[in-house]
Amino acid sequence: MEADPDVVVYYQAAAEAERLDADWFPSGRLELARTMELLGRHLPGPPARVLDVGGASGRYAVWLGDLGYETELMDPVPKHVEQAMALGIAARLGHAGELAWDDETFDAVLVLGPLYHLVEAAARLEAVQEACRVVRPDGVVAVAYINRFAGLFDLLSSGRIDDPAVWRLVQEAVASGVGPPRASGLFTTAYFHHPDEISPELVRAGLEVDVVYGVEGPGWLIPDLAARWRDETSR
C-alpha cells in the first residue's frame, strides 16, 4: 500500500518541519499549543508507548519523548522520515492503512495527519482500523481532521476567493469534501470532513468516541495572530 504520489511530492517540497513554529504560518503555534493541551488531557502518563502515524518530521514525537514517553513514528514522505531520524526518533516509511507493528503494541496512537489526505472512505476506515489494531484495548487513539469549510474561510480571508477558477474549486470542495490536487496551487489532494461525519466514521472503524474537539476554532483567522501570540496577554 502506497501513499498518493501527489501528497508525497507536495510534502517533499514543503517546509513541514518549520510550519508549527514559523511566522509565515501564524496559526501553526495555535495548532501546536492546542494539540499539546488536548493530548495532555487524554494520553496515559509516561513512560507509555506512543505511535505517531503520519507524524511528519517528529514535532509531537520529540515533545512526547522529552516528557518521558517511548515514541515511534511512521510517515509516507521520505524527507520527513529522514528529518525525524536525525532528531533521534525511531522512524520508518509506511502507510497509515498498513502499519508494520503487531497487535496491541502501543498505549496510544496519534493519527493527526493521514485522514485528511485519504479521499476514499474505505481508505480512511482502513487507517483507523489499523490504529485500533496496534493500540492496546484500553488505549487512546487521537485523530485529527480538517473542517469542511476551512478552505472557504482561508480563501475568503486572503481574497483569493475572487478568482473565478478558485471559487469553482472551493464550491466543489464544500459540496463533496474533496480538495483539488497540488496543481491547483491551493493545497494537495485532500478530504475535508463535515463535523457530522466524524463520530460515525470512527465508530464504524471500531472506536468508542470519547469527545470531538475544535482545535484552532476561529482563532486562525485573526489577521495579526503572530503579533498577538508573541504577547502573553493577547495570546
Foldseek 3Di string as FASTA:
>chain_A
DAADVLQQVQVVPDPVVCQLPDPVQLCSVLLVVLVVVVCVVDADAPCFEEEEEQCFQQPPVVVVVVRHYHYAYEHQHVVSQVNNVVVVHHYDYDALLDDPDAFQQGQEYEAEPRQFQDQDLVSNLSNLLSRNGRHHPNHYYHYHFAAQCPLVLVCVLVVVCPPVVVVVQNVVCSVRQWHDACVVVRGHTTGHDHVVPPVVSNVVSPDDDDDDDDRNPCLSSDPPSNVLVVDPVSD
